[in-house]
N, C-alpha and C. Protein backbone atom coordinates (compact mmCIF):
# COMPACT_ATOMS: atom_id res chain seq x y z
N UNK A 1 -24.85 12.49 -19.97
CA UNK A 1 -24.51 11.44 -19.06
C UNK A 1 -23.89 10.10 -19.50
N UNK A 2 -24.57 9.73 -20.74
CA UNK A 2 -24.08 8.69 -21.28
C UNK A 2 -22.73 8.69 -21.73
N UNK A 3 -22.49 9.85 -22.16
CA UNK A 3 -20.97 9.95 -22.67
C UNK A 3 -20.04 10.07 -21.49
N UNK A 4 -20.48 10.76 -20.22
CA UNK A 4 -19.47 10.44 -18.85
C UNK A 4 -19.04 8.70 -18.80
N UNK A 5 -20.43 8.35 -18.89
CA UNK A 5 -20.32 6.77 -18.31
C UNK A 5 -19.28 5.66 -19.17
N UNK A 6 -19.54 6.22 -20.19
CA UNK A 6 -18.65 5.90 -21.33
C UNK A 6 -17.23 6.23 -21.11
N UNK A 7 -17.14 7.09 -20.81
CA UNK A 7 -15.73 7.65 -20.78
C UNK A 7 -15.12 6.76 -19.79
N UNK A 8 -16.05 6.62 -18.33
CA UNK A 8 -15.44 6.05 -17.24
C UNK A 8 -14.90 4.69 -17.66
N UNK A 9 -15.97 3.92 -18.58
CA UNK A 9 -15.82 2.44 -18.85
C UNK A 9 -14.37 2.45 -19.69
N UNK A 10 -14.20 3.17 -20.59
CA UNK A 10 -13.07 3.49 -21.46
C UNK A 10 -12.08 3.27 -20.62
N UNK A 11 -11.81 4.61 -19.54
CA UNK A 11 -10.81 4.66 -18.87
C UNK A 11 -10.24 3.35 -18.16
N UNK A 12 -11.56 2.71 -17.37
CA UNK A 12 -11.45 1.44 -16.81
C UNK A 12 -10.39 0.09 -17.92
N UNK A 13 -11.09 0.45 -19.04
CA UNK A 13 -10.78 -0.81 -19.97
C UNK A 13 -9.41 -0.50 -20.32
N UNK A 14 -8.70 0.77 -20.48
CA UNK A 14 -7.30 1.16 -20.84
C UNK A 14 -6.71 0.78 -19.68
N UNK A 15 -6.95 0.70 -18.51
CA UNK A 15 -6.15 0.44 -17.13
C UNK A 15 -6.21 -1.03 -17.01
N UNK A 16 -7.12 -1.88 -17.46
CA UNK A 16 -7.30 -3.34 -17.08
C UNK A 16 -6.35 -3.95 -18.18
N UNK A 17 -6.34 -3.44 -19.60
CA UNK A 17 -5.53 -3.72 -20.69
C UNK A 17 -3.82 -3.13 -20.64
N UNK A 18 -3.73 -2.35 -19.55
CA UNK A 18 -2.23 -2.09 -19.17
C UNK A 18 -1.80 -3.05 -18.49
N UNK A 19 -2.49 -3.42 -17.34
CA UNK A 19 -2.17 -4.54 -16.21
C UNK A 19 -2.15 -5.74 -17.00
N UNK A 20 -3.11 -6.06 -17.78
CA UNK A 20 -3.05 -7.26 -18.37
C UNK A 20 -1.98 -7.33 -19.86
N UNK A 21 -1.36 -6.52 -20.12
CA UNK A 21 -0.10 -6.63 -21.15
C UNK A 21 1.12 -7.02 -20.12
N UNK A 22 1.03 -6.67 -19.05
CA UNK A 22 2.50 -7.11 -18.26
C UNK A 22 2.01 -8.08 -17.19
N UNK A 23 0.73 -9.28 -17.46
CA UNK A 23 0.20 -9.77 -16.39
C UNK A 23 1.50 -11.17 -16.84
N UNK A 24 2.12 -11.52 -17.71
CA UNK A 24 3.19 -12.41 -17.75
C UNK A 24 4.36 -12.26 -16.98
N UNK A 25 4.35 -11.19 -16.43
CA UNK A 25 5.49 -10.79 -15.81
C UNK A 25 5.67 -10.31 -14.24
N UNK A 26 4.47 -10.11 -14.04
CA UNK A 26 3.85 -10.18 -12.55
C UNK A 26 3.97 -11.25 -11.72
N UNK A 27 3.45 -12.18 -11.90
CA UNK A 27 3.35 -13.21 -11.19
C UNK A 27 4.65 -13.90 -10.38
N UNK A 28 5.87 -13.64 -11.48
CA UNK A 28 7.20 -14.21 -10.63
C UNK A 28 7.42 -13.50 -9.57
N UNK A 29 7.51 -11.74 -9.96
CA UNK A 29 7.51 -11.18 -8.58
C UNK A 29 6.69 -11.48 -7.45
N UNK A 30 5.23 -11.36 -7.55
CA UNK A 30 4.49 -11.96 -6.55
C UNK A 30 5.14 -13.37 -5.77
N UNK A 31 5.39 -14.17 -6.87
CA UNK A 31 5.80 -15.31 -6.26
C UNK A 31 7.47 -15.27 -5.46
N UNK A 32 8.14 -14.59 -5.81
CA UNK A 32 9.16 -14.23 -4.93
C UNK A 32 8.93 -13.69 -3.62
N UNK A 33 7.79 -12.58 -3.48
CA UNK A 33 7.80 -11.79 -2.52
C UNK A 33 6.84 -12.69 -1.07
N UNK A 34 5.96 -13.54 -1.93
CA UNK A 34 4.90 -14.44 -1.33
C UNK A 34 5.61 -15.64 -1.00
N UNK A 35 6.98 -16.25 -1.48
CA UNK A 35 7.61 -17.40 -1.30
C UNK A 35 6.97 -18.53 -1.65
N UNK A 36 6.09 -18.32 -3.17
CA UNK A 36 5.58 -19.69 -3.41
C UNK A 36 6.44 -19.60 -5.13
N UNK A 37 6.34 -20.78 -6.00
CA UNK A 37 6.93 -20.80 -7.14
C UNK A 37 5.57 -21.20 -8.43
N UNK A 38 4.90 -22.09 -7.84
CA UNK A 38 4.50 -23.03 -8.97
C UNK A 38 3.33 -22.06 -9.72
N UNK A 39 2.96 -20.73 -9.78
CA UNK A 39 1.73 -20.33 -10.51
C UNK A 39 2.53 -19.08 -11.23
N UNK A 40 4.13 -18.95 -11.17
CA UNK A 40 4.80 -18.36 -11.75
C UNK A 40 4.80 -18.28 -13.13
N UNK A 41 4.62 -19.07 -13.77
CA UNK A 41 4.53 -19.08 -15.22
C UNK A 41 3.10 -19.12 -15.88
N UNK A 42 1.96 -18.76 -14.91
CA UNK A 42 0.73 -19.31 -15.14
C UNK A 42 0.02 -18.36 -16.52
N UNK A 43 0.64 -17.40 -16.48
CA UNK A 43 0.07 -16.22 -17.34
C UNK A 43 1.01 -15.95 -18.72
N UNK A 44 1.81 -17.06 -18.57
CA UNK A 44 3.08 -16.43 -20.05
C UNK A 44 2.45 -16.82 -21.33
N UNK A 45 0.97 -17.67 -21.34
CA UNK A 45 0.14 -17.70 -22.79
C UNK A 45 -0.09 -16.07 -22.93
N UNK A 46 0.19 -15.08 -22.31
CA UNK A 46 -0.56 -13.80 -22.62
C UNK A 46 0.20 -12.94 -23.42
N UNK A 47 1.92 -13.49 -23.28
CA UNK A 47 2.84 -12.66 -23.66
C UNK A 47 2.70 -12.10 -25.30
N UNK A 48 1.79 -13.09 -25.91
CA UNK A 48 1.76 -12.88 -27.32
C UNK A 48 0.80 -11.83 -27.90
N UNK A 49 0.05 -11.40 -26.81
CA UNK A 49 -1.02 -10.36 -26.68
C UNK A 49 -0.46 -9.00 -26.46
N UNK A 50 0.66 -8.80 -25.87
CA UNK A 50 1.23 -7.75 -25.14
C UNK A 50 1.26 -6.40 -26.11
N UNK A 51 1.80 -6.68 -27.47
CA UNK A 51 1.58 -5.25 -28.30
C UNK A 51 0.04 -5.13 -28.36
N UNK A 52 -0.79 -5.56 -28.40
CA UNK A 52 -2.12 -5.47 -28.82
C UNK A 52 -2.70 -5.00 -27.36
N UNK A 53 -2.44 -5.49 -26.47
CA UNK A 53 -3.08 -4.78 -25.22
C UNK A 53 -2.37 -3.60 -24.77
N UNK A 54 -1.21 -3.29 -25.09
CA UNK A 54 -0.77 -1.83 -25.26
C UNK A 54 -1.34 -1.10 -25.91
N UNK A 55 -1.34 -1.49 -27.03
CA UNK A 55 -2.38 -0.43 -28.39
C UNK A 55 -3.97 -0.07 -27.45
N UNK A 56 -4.41 -1.02 -26.95
CA UNK A 56 -5.80 -0.98 -26.96
C UNK A 56 -5.75 -0.09 -25.30
N UNK A 57 -4.77 -0.14 -24.48
CA UNK A 57 -4.49 0.62 -23.17
C UNK A 57 -4.43 1.99 -23.95
N UNK A 58 -3.45 2.36 -24.78
CA UNK A 58 -3.18 3.75 -25.05
C UNK A 58 -4.30 4.30 -25.80
N UNK A 59 -5.21 3.64 -26.81
CA UNK A 59 -6.33 4.34 -27.54
C UNK A 59 -7.15 4.36 -26.35
N UNK A 60 -7.60 3.42 -25.43
CA UNK A 60 -9.03 3.52 -24.35
C UNK A 60 -8.69 4.78 -23.44
N UNK A 61 -7.16 4.87 -22.93
CA UNK A 61 -7.13 6.18 -22.24
C UNK A 61 -7.02 7.46 -23.04
N UNK A 62 -6.56 7.49 -24.11
CA UNK A 62 -6.19 8.48 -25.14
C UNK A 62 -7.92 8.90 -25.19
N UNK A 63 -8.79 8.14 -25.51
CA UNK A 63 -10.16 8.65 -25.70
C UNK A 63 -10.99 9.11 -24.16
N UNK A 64 -10.39 8.72 -23.36
CA UNK A 64 -10.95 9.01 -21.99
C UNK A 64 -10.35 10.36 -21.86
N UNK A 65 -9.37 10.75 -22.31
CA UNK A 65 -8.50 12.16 -21.94
C UNK A 65 -9.39 13.15 -23.40
N UNK A 66 -9.58 12.63 -24.48
CA UNK A 66 -10.20 13.35 -25.50
C UNK A 66 -11.61 13.82 -24.87
N UNK A 67 -12.48 12.77 -24.25
CA UNK A 67 -13.92 13.30 -23.89
C UNK A 67 -13.56 14.34 -22.83
N UNK A 68 -12.70 14.23 -21.68
CA UNK A 68 -12.38 15.03 -20.65
C UNK A 68 -12.21 16.64 -21.21
N UNK A 69 -11.19 16.52 -22.37
CA UNK A 69 -10.51 18.02 -22.73
C UNK A 69 -11.26 18.37 -24.09
N UNK A 70 -12.08 17.73 -24.51
CA UNK A 70 -13.26 18.55 -25.61
C UNK A 70 -14.13 19.40 -25.30
N UNK A 71 -14.29 20.36 -26.12
CA UNK A 71 -14.86 21.65 -25.15
C UNK A 71 -16.64 21.69 -25.05
N UNK A 72 -17.23 21.59 -23.77
CA UNK A 72 -18.36 21.38 -23.54
C UNK A 72 -19.61 22.17 -23.75
N UNK A 73 -20.47 21.70 -24.09
CA UNK A 73 -21.63 22.49 -24.66
C UNK A 73 -22.20 23.55 -23.55
N UNK A 74 -22.07 24.76 -23.98
CA UNK A 74 -22.56 25.74 -23.01
C UNK A 74 -23.85 25.52 -22.60
N UNK A 75 -24.12 25.74 -21.01
CA UNK A 75 -25.28 25.28 -20.37
C UNK A 75 -26.39 26.76 -20.68
N UNK A 76 -27.07 26.74 -21.37
CA UNK A 76 -27.79 27.70 -21.68
C UNK A 76 -29.32 28.53 -20.63
N UNK A 77 -29.50 27.18 -20.13
CA UNK A 77 -30.79 27.23 -19.23
C UNK A 77 -30.53 27.88 -17.72
N UNK A 78 -29.13 28.09 -18.15
CA UNK A 78 -28.85 29.24 -16.32
C UNK A 78 -28.95 28.15 -15.19
N UNK A 79 -28.87 26.83 -15.19
CA UNK A 79 -29.09 25.55 -14.48
C UNK A 79 -27.82 25.71 -13.76
N UNK A 80 -27.83 25.37 -12.11
CA UNK A 80 -26.45 25.02 -11.62
C UNK A 80 -25.97 23.92 -11.89
N UNK A 81 -24.39 24.16 -12.40
CA UNK A 81 -23.63 23.27 -13.06
C UNK A 81 -23.31 22.16 -11.57
N UNK A 82 -23.88 20.65 -12.24
CA UNK A 82 -23.76 19.71 -11.04
C UNK A 82 -21.97 19.34 -11.01
N UNK A 83 -21.69 19.45 -9.65
CA UNK A 83 -20.50 18.81 -9.22
C UNK A 83 -19.84 17.73 -10.05
N UNK A 84 -18.75 17.67 -10.41
CA UNK A 84 -18.39 16.35 -11.53
C UNK A 84 -17.92 15.17 -10.71
N UNK A 85 -18.13 14.09 -11.08
CA UNK A 85 -18.33 13.08 -9.77
C UNK A 85 -16.56 12.51 -10.15
N UNK A 86 -16.29 11.86 -9.29
CA UNK A 86 -14.63 11.84 -9.24
C UNK A 86 -13.76 11.23 -10.12
N UNK A 87 -14.70 10.32 -11.04
CA UNK A 87 -13.89 10.01 -12.21
C UNK A 87 -14.27 10.71 -13.53
N UNK A 88 -14.85 12.13 -13.28
CA UNK A 88 -14.76 12.85 -14.39
C UNK A 88 -13.67 13.93 -14.08
N UNK A 89 -13.21 13.56 -13.02
CA UNK A 89 -11.97 14.91 -12.51
C UNK A 89 -10.70 14.37 -13.48
N UNK A 90 -10.09 15.44 -13.33
CA UNK A 90 -8.33 15.56 -13.88
C UNK A 90 -7.54 14.68 -13.05
N UNK A 91 -7.93 14.81 -11.88
CA UNK A 91 -6.98 13.69 -11.06
C UNK A 91 -6.99 12.41 -11.51
N UNK A 92 -8.16 11.83 -11.40
CA UNK A 92 -8.96 10.48 -11.45
C UNK A 92 -7.82 10.33 -12.98
N UNK A 93 -8.21 10.74 -14.09
CA UNK A 93 -7.24 10.40 -15.37
C UNK A 93 -5.92 10.41 -15.11
N UNK A 94 -5.37 11.39 -14.75
CA UNK A 94 -3.53 11.34 -14.39
C UNK A 94 -3.63 9.88 -13.73
N UNK A 95 -4.40 9.89 -12.69
CA UNK A 95 -4.01 8.52 -11.86
C UNK A 95 -4.08 7.63 -12.52
N UNK A 96 -5.12 7.13 -13.58
CA UNK A 96 -5.34 6.22 -14.32
C UNK A 96 -4.10 6.15 -15.23
N UNK A 97 -3.83 7.09 -16.10
CA UNK A 97 -2.85 7.29 -16.87
C UNK A 97 -1.19 6.85 -16.21
N UNK A 98 -1.15 7.02 -15.30
CA UNK A 98 0.24 6.78 -14.65
C UNK A 98 0.29 5.70 -13.96
N UNK A 99 -0.72 4.99 -13.63
CA UNK A 99 -0.73 3.52 -13.36
C UNK A 99 -0.57 2.78 -14.45
N UNK A 100 -1.14 3.09 -15.57
CA UNK A 100 -1.16 2.09 -16.75
C UNK A 100 0.30 2.45 -17.36
N UNK A 101 0.94 3.34 -17.18
CA UNK A 101 2.49 3.78 -17.48
C UNK A 101 3.34 2.63 -16.68
N UNK A 102 3.20 2.73 -15.48
CA UNK A 102 3.71 2.00 -14.49
C UNK A 102 3.30 0.50 -14.71
N UNK A 103 2.27 -0.15 -14.77
CA UNK A 103 2.36 -1.55 -15.63
C UNK A 103 2.68 -2.29 -16.72
N UNK A 104 2.74 -0.99 -17.90
CA UNK A 104 3.01 -1.28 -18.87
C UNK A 104 4.55 -1.18 -19.33
N UNK A 105 5.38 -0.19 -18.33
CA UNK A 105 6.55 -0.65 -18.40
C UNK A 105 7.54 -1.60 -17.25
N UNK A 106 6.65 -2.54 -16.54
CA UNK A 106 6.74 -3.41 -15.38
C UNK A 106 7.96 -4.13 -15.69
N UNK A 107 7.80 -5.18 -17.18
CA UNK A 107 9.05 -5.84 -17.28
C UNK A 107 10.58 -5.52 -17.23
N UNK A 108 10.65 -3.98 -17.70
CA UNK A 108 11.93 -3.28 -17.64
C UNK A 108 12.34 -3.14 -16.25
N UNK A 109 11.62 -2.81 -15.81
CA UNK A 109 12.14 -2.52 -13.94
C UNK A 109 11.76 -3.63 -12.55
N UNK A 110 11.43 -4.90 -13.49
CA UNK A 110 11.15 -5.83 -12.45
C UNK A 110 12.53 -6.37 -11.64
N UNK A 111 13.58 -6.26 -12.18
CA UNK A 111 14.60 -6.83 -11.81
C UNK A 111 14.68 -6.42 -10.30
N UNK A 112 14.22 -5.04 -9.73
CA UNK A 112 14.55 -4.38 -8.74
C UNK A 112 14.27 -5.04 -7.66
N UNK A 113 13.05 -5.76 -7.81
CA UNK A 113 12.48 -6.77 -6.52
C UNK A 113 13.37 -7.81 -6.23
N UNK A 114 14.64 -8.34 -7.16
CA UNK A 114 15.06 -9.58 -6.71
C UNK A 114 16.31 -9.36 -6.37
N UNK A 115 16.70 -9.48 -4.90
CA UNK A 115 17.81 -9.06 -4.46
C UNK A 115 19.05 -10.19 -4.84
N UNK A 116 20.26 -9.41 -4.80
CA UNK A 116 21.36 -9.94 -5.28
C UNK A 116 21.38 -11.31 -4.35
N UNK A 117 21.62 -12.75 -4.54
CA UNK A 117 21.71 -13.67 -3.51
C UNK A 117 22.68 -14.70 -4.01
N UNK A 118 23.87 -13.86 -5.00
CA UNK A 118 24.73 -14.43 -5.56
C UNK A 118 25.83 -14.77 -4.23
N UNK A 119 26.38 -15.91 -4.14
CA UNK A 119 27.23 -16.36 -3.19
C UNK A 119 28.54 -16.77 -3.71
N UNK A 120 29.74 -16.48 -2.59
CA UNK A 120 31.14 -16.62 -3.53
C UNK A 120 31.54 -18.20 -3.20
N UNK A 121 32.02 -18.86 -4.05
CA UNK A 121 32.17 -20.04 -3.93
C UNK A 121 33.45 -20.37 -4.27
N UNK A 122 34.07 -21.27 -3.17
CA UNK A 122 35.52 -21.44 -3.39
C UNK A 122 35.77 -22.98 -3.87
N UNK A 123 36.50 -23.03 -4.93
CA UNK A 123 36.73 -24.21 -5.91
C UNK A 123 37.87 -24.67 -5.26
N UNK A 124 38.00 -25.99 -4.82
CA UNK A 124 39.58 -26.49 -4.32
C UNK A 124 39.99 -27.09 -5.67
N UNK A 125 38.94 -27.79 -6.65
CA UNK A 125 39.58 -28.52 -7.60
C UNK A 125 38.78 -27.93 -8.98
N UNK A 126 39.55 -27.37 -10.04
CA UNK A 126 38.54 -27.24 -10.99
C UNK A 126 38.18 -28.02 -11.98
N UNK A 127 38.48 -29.32 -11.80
CA UNK A 127 37.90 -30.56 -12.10
C UNK A 127 36.19 -30.53 -11.79
N UNK A 128 35.89 -30.22 -10.69
CA UNK A 128 35.08 -30.29 -10.00
C UNK A 128 34.02 -29.06 -10.67
N UNK A 129 34.36 -28.21 -11.60
CA UNK A 129 33.51 -27.70 -11.94
C UNK A 129 32.60 -28.02 -13.32
N UNK A 130 31.41 -27.79 -13.29
CA UNK A 130 30.49 -28.10 -14.78
C UNK A 130 29.53 -27.20 -14.89
N UNK A 131 29.61 -27.31 -16.07
CA UNK A 131 28.36 -26.17 -16.93
C UNK A 131 27.18 -26.72 -17.85
N UNK A 132 26.35 -26.83 -17.17
CA UNK A 132 25.11 -27.48 -18.07
C UNK A 132 24.17 -26.18 -18.74
N UNK A 133 23.68 -26.73 -19.73
CA UNK A 133 22.39 -25.65 -20.79
C UNK A 133 21.36 -26.29 -20.40
N UNK A 134 20.53 -25.54 -20.33
CA UNK A 134 19.32 -25.97 -19.71
C UNK A 134 18.29 -25.34 -20.49
N UNK A 135 17.50 -26.10 -21.42
CA UNK A 135 16.63 -25.61 -22.13
C UNK A 135 15.12 -25.51 -21.47
N UNK A 136 14.43 -24.19 -21.21
CA UNK A 136 13.48 -24.04 -20.40
C UNK A 136 12.02 -23.23 -21.13
N UNK A 137 11.24 -23.96 -20.88
CA UNK A 137 9.64 -23.51 -21.74
C UNK A 137 9.06 -22.59 -20.44
N UNK A 138 8.53 -21.64 -21.02
CA UNK A 138 7.48 -20.57 -19.99
C UNK A 138 7.87 -19.42 -19.96
N UNK A 139 9.36 -18.91 -20.29
CA UNK A 139 10.01 -17.56 -19.55
C UNK A 139 9.39 -16.72 -20.77
N UNK A 140 9.06 -15.67 -20.50
CA UNK A 140 8.61 -14.50 -21.29
C UNK A 140 9.43 -13.55 -21.44
N UNK A 141 9.75 -12.56 -20.13
CA UNK A 141 10.44 -11.75 -20.18
C UNK A 141 11.84 -11.44 -18.98
N UNK A 142 12.19 -10.36 -19.00
CA UNK A 142 13.18 -10.38 -17.94
C UNK A 142 13.18 -10.63 -16.40
N UNK A 143 11.81 -10.35 -16.03
CA UNK A 143 11.80 -10.77 -14.90
C UNK A 143 11.36 -12.47 -14.47
N UNK A 144 10.80 -13.16 -15.55
CA UNK A 144 11.23 -14.50 -15.60
C UNK A 144 12.64 -14.92 -15.46
N UNK A 145 13.62 -14.29 -16.48
CA UNK A 145 14.82 -14.45 -15.76
C UNK A 145 15.46 -14.45 -14.59
N UNK A 146 15.32 -13.39 -14.01
CA UNK A 146 15.42 -13.07 -12.85
C UNK A 146 15.00 -14.21 -11.38
N UNK A 147 13.84 -14.30 -11.96
CA UNK A 147 13.06 -15.65 -11.21
C UNK A 147 14.08 -16.67 -11.19
N UNK A 148 14.12 -17.29 -12.18
CA UNK A 148 14.99 -18.59 -12.39
C UNK A 148 16.55 -18.26 -11.81
N UNK A 149 17.32 -17.60 -11.95
CA UNK A 149 18.36 -17.11 -11.64
C UNK A 149 18.88 -16.86 -10.01
N UNK A 150 17.64 -15.90 -9.66
CA UNK A 150 17.57 -15.89 -7.89
C UNK A 150 17.21 -17.42 -7.09
N UNK A 151 16.44 -18.48 -7.95
CA UNK A 151 16.27 -19.24 -7.09
C UNK A 151 17.21 -20.24 -7.26
N UNK A 152 18.05 -20.44 -8.36
CA UNK A 152 19.12 -21.29 -8.45
C UNK A 152 20.17 -20.69 -7.74
N UNK A 153 20.55 -19.68 -7.45
CA UNK A 153 21.29 -19.13 -6.50
C UNK A 153 20.99 -19.18 -5.27
N UNK A 154 20.12 -20.01 -5.07
CA UNK A 154 19.77 -20.23 -3.18
C UNK A 154 20.22 -21.63 -3.08
N UNK A 155 20.62 -22.31 -4.43
CA UNK A 155 21.63 -23.63 -4.04
C UNK A 155 23.07 -23.50 -3.66
N UNK A 156 23.69 -24.36 -2.97
CA UNK A 156 24.97 -24.10 -2.63
C UNK A 156 25.83 -24.62 -4.06
N UNK A 157 26.91 -23.91 -4.11
CA UNK A 157 28.11 -24.14 -5.08
C UNK A 157 27.46 -23.31 -6.68
N UNK A 158 26.80 -22.91 -6.47
CA UNK A 158 26.50 -22.12 -7.80
C UNK A 158 27.53 -21.04 -8.17
N UNK A 159 28.34 -21.19 -8.84
CA UNK A 159 29.13 -20.09 -9.91
C UNK A 159 28.74 -19.27 -10.47
N UNK A 160 27.74 -19.52 -11.39
CA UNK A 160 27.22 -18.77 -12.47
C UNK A 160 25.76 -18.90 -13.11
N UNK A 161 24.87 -18.54 -12.71
CA UNK A 161 23.66 -18.59 -13.35
C UNK A 161 23.07 -17.34 -14.20
N UNK A 162 22.79 -17.59 -15.55
CA UNK A 162 22.28 -17.00 -16.51
C UNK A 162 21.54 -17.42 -17.32
N UNK A 163 20.32 -16.72 -17.39
CA UNK A 163 18.79 -17.29 -17.76
C UNK A 163 18.71 -16.12 -19.09
N UNK A 164 18.14 -16.79 -20.06
CA UNK A 164 17.85 -15.74 -21.14
C UNK A 164 16.43 -16.33 -22.03
N UNK A 165 15.21 -15.19 -21.70
CA UNK A 165 13.91 -15.29 -22.14
C UNK A 165 14.11 -15.56 -23.63
N UNK A 166 14.78 -14.87 -24.14
CA UNK A 166 14.95 -14.60 -25.54
C UNK A 166 15.01 -16.05 -26.29
N UNK A 167 16.13 -16.78 -25.86
CA UNK A 167 16.73 -18.02 -26.25
C UNK A 167 16.09 -19.08 -25.45
N UNK A 168 15.13 -18.77 -24.46
CA UNK A 168 14.44 -19.93 -23.47
C UNK A 168 15.51 -20.87 -22.98
N UNK A 169 16.93 -20.53 -22.59
CA UNK A 169 17.62 -21.18 -21.92
C UNK A 169 17.74 -20.52 -20.43
N UNK A 170 19.03 -21.53 -20.05
CA UNK A 170 19.32 -21.25 -18.44
C UNK A 170 20.86 -21.80 -18.61
N UNK A 171 21.91 -21.20 -18.55
CA UNK A 171 23.48 -21.66 -18.48
C UNK A 171 24.05 -21.48 -16.92
N UNK A 172 24.10 -22.44 -16.48
CA UNK A 172 24.49 -22.77 -14.98
C UNK A 172 25.91 -23.57 -14.75
N UNK A 173 26.68 -22.76 -14.33
CA UNK A 173 28.00 -23.21 -14.07
C UNK A 173 28.00 -23.64 -12.50
N UNK A 174 28.52 -24.40 -11.56
CA UNK A 174 28.73 -25.25 -10.62
C UNK A 174 29.56 -26.04 -10.35
N UNK A 175 29.85 -26.25 -9.07
CA UNK A 175 30.82 -26.86 -8.17
C UNK A 175 29.76 -28.23 -7.95
N UNK A 176 30.24 -29.25 -8.60
CA UNK A 176 29.07 -30.74 -8.79
C UNK A 176 29.67 -31.53 -7.30
N UNK A 177 30.64 -30.92 -6.61
CA UNK A 177 30.58 -31.41 -5.24
C UNK A 177 29.84 -30.99 -4.14
N UNK A 178 29.23 -29.95 -4.37
CA UNK A 178 28.21 -29.37 -3.83
C UNK A 178 26.48 -29.50 -4.00
N UNK A 179 26.39 -29.53 -5.47
CA UNK A 179 25.22 -29.59 -5.94
C UNK A 179 25.15 -30.30 -6.99
N UNK A 180 24.16 -30.58 -7.65
CA UNK A 180 23.92 -31.56 -9.01
C UNK A 180 23.04 -30.76 -10.23
N UNK A 181 23.40 -31.28 -11.24
CA UNK A 181 22.26 -30.67 -12.53
C UNK A 181 20.83 -31.12 -12.10
N UNK A 182 20.48 -32.07 -11.25
CA UNK A 182 19.19 -32.63 -10.98
C UNK A 182 18.79 -31.81 -10.04
N UNK A 183 19.31 -31.32 -8.92
CA UNK A 183 18.80 -30.29 -8.25
C UNK A 183 18.75 -28.90 -8.58
N UNK A 184 19.47 -28.84 -9.81
CA UNK A 184 19.34 -27.58 -10.34
C UNK A 184 17.89 -27.43 -11.20
N UNK A 185 17.69 -28.64 -11.71
CA UNK A 185 16.52 -28.82 -12.56
C UNK A 185 15.43 -28.79 -11.61
N UNK A 186 15.39 -29.29 -10.81
CA UNK A 186 14.58 -29.19 -9.59
C UNK A 186 13.83 -27.63 -9.12
N UNK A 187 14.98 -26.89 -9.01
CA UNK A 187 14.80 -25.32 -8.70
C UNK A 187 14.24 -25.05 -9.71
N UNK A 188 14.65 -25.29 -10.85
CA UNK A 188 14.01 -24.38 -11.99
C UNK A 188 12.76 -24.77 -11.95
N UNK A 189 12.33 -25.94 -12.38
CA UNK A 189 10.57 -26.49 -12.14
C UNK A 189 9.84 -25.80 -11.28
N UNK A 190 10.83 -25.87 -9.81
CA UNK A 190 10.11 -25.21 -8.87
C UNK A 190 9.77 -23.52 -8.80
N UNK A 191 9.90 -23.05 -9.98
CA UNK A 191 9.64 -21.96 -10.02
C UNK A 191 8.34 -21.52 -11.08
N UNK A 192 7.97 -22.69 -11.77
CA UNK A 192 6.82 -22.76 -12.57
C UNK A 192 7.02 -22.94 -13.69
N UNK A 193 8.41 -22.55 -14.10
CA UNK A 193 8.87 -22.99 -15.55
C UNK A 193 8.87 -24.51 -15.74
N UNK A 194 9.65 -24.82 -16.96
CA UNK A 194 9.81 -26.30 -16.96
C UNK A 194 11.30 -26.89 -17.76
N UNK A 195 12.01 -27.44 -17.55
CA UNK A 195 13.25 -27.51 -18.13
C UNK A 195 12.77 -28.72 -19.22
N UNK A 196 12.89 -28.52 -20.56
CA UNK A 196 12.49 -29.58 -21.34
C UNK A 196 13.63 -30.22 -21.80
N UNK A 197 14.73 -29.97 -21.52
CA UNK A 197 16.02 -30.53 -22.08
C UNK A 197 17.33 -30.11 -21.16
N UNK A 198 18.19 -30.87 -21.55
CA UNK A 198 19.60 -30.43 -20.62
C UNK A 198 20.92 -30.93 -21.30
N UNK A 199 21.95 -30.30 -21.37
CA UNK A 199 23.21 -30.76 -21.91
C UNK A 199 24.40 -29.85 -21.03
N UNK A 200 25.27 -31.15 -21.23
CA UNK A 200 26.62 -30.56 -20.80
C UNK A 200 27.40 -29.73 -21.63
N UNK A 201 28.19 -28.44 -20.96
CA UNK A 201 28.80 -27.97 -22.17
C UNK A 201 30.20 -27.90 -21.94
């Protein structure tokens, strides 16, 4: 009985570790769906722990599977075998494993939640085109990039928005007769990330 309870706790530990490993990438998608922005980067501090959380999830769920698959001690008393509880079933472990895998891989497919909102911009005078390089604090994955680009593209006059979480930057090309670098900075900050520097290119 003690082993069964341990197996259940270990399986849940693995699941929570898997969810936590992508916790920094999930809020931006929730923010988009809910139409909010301020909390988007609230869990970005967890990004450095992602490899360890993934390792913990794999070990914990692996141990739960080991407990399930290891040979059971034969029942010598002839007693009627008790029906296994739901958390002792193969279906439960499969569900936990699949959900953990989906959670861990979330940063790699999060972009599908962001619809393409890029608008065609007609520029009558090329001298009106301006390109600004923003240094942005708080991005940790591709979902963060998508969140910023999607928000900036909501503004009028945006020709191209390209963010990079690896470099911590956002390169924005725009028509300065329709929007301004101040408005773009405000849009970026509204996502929950923070512009720490900007320069024209």
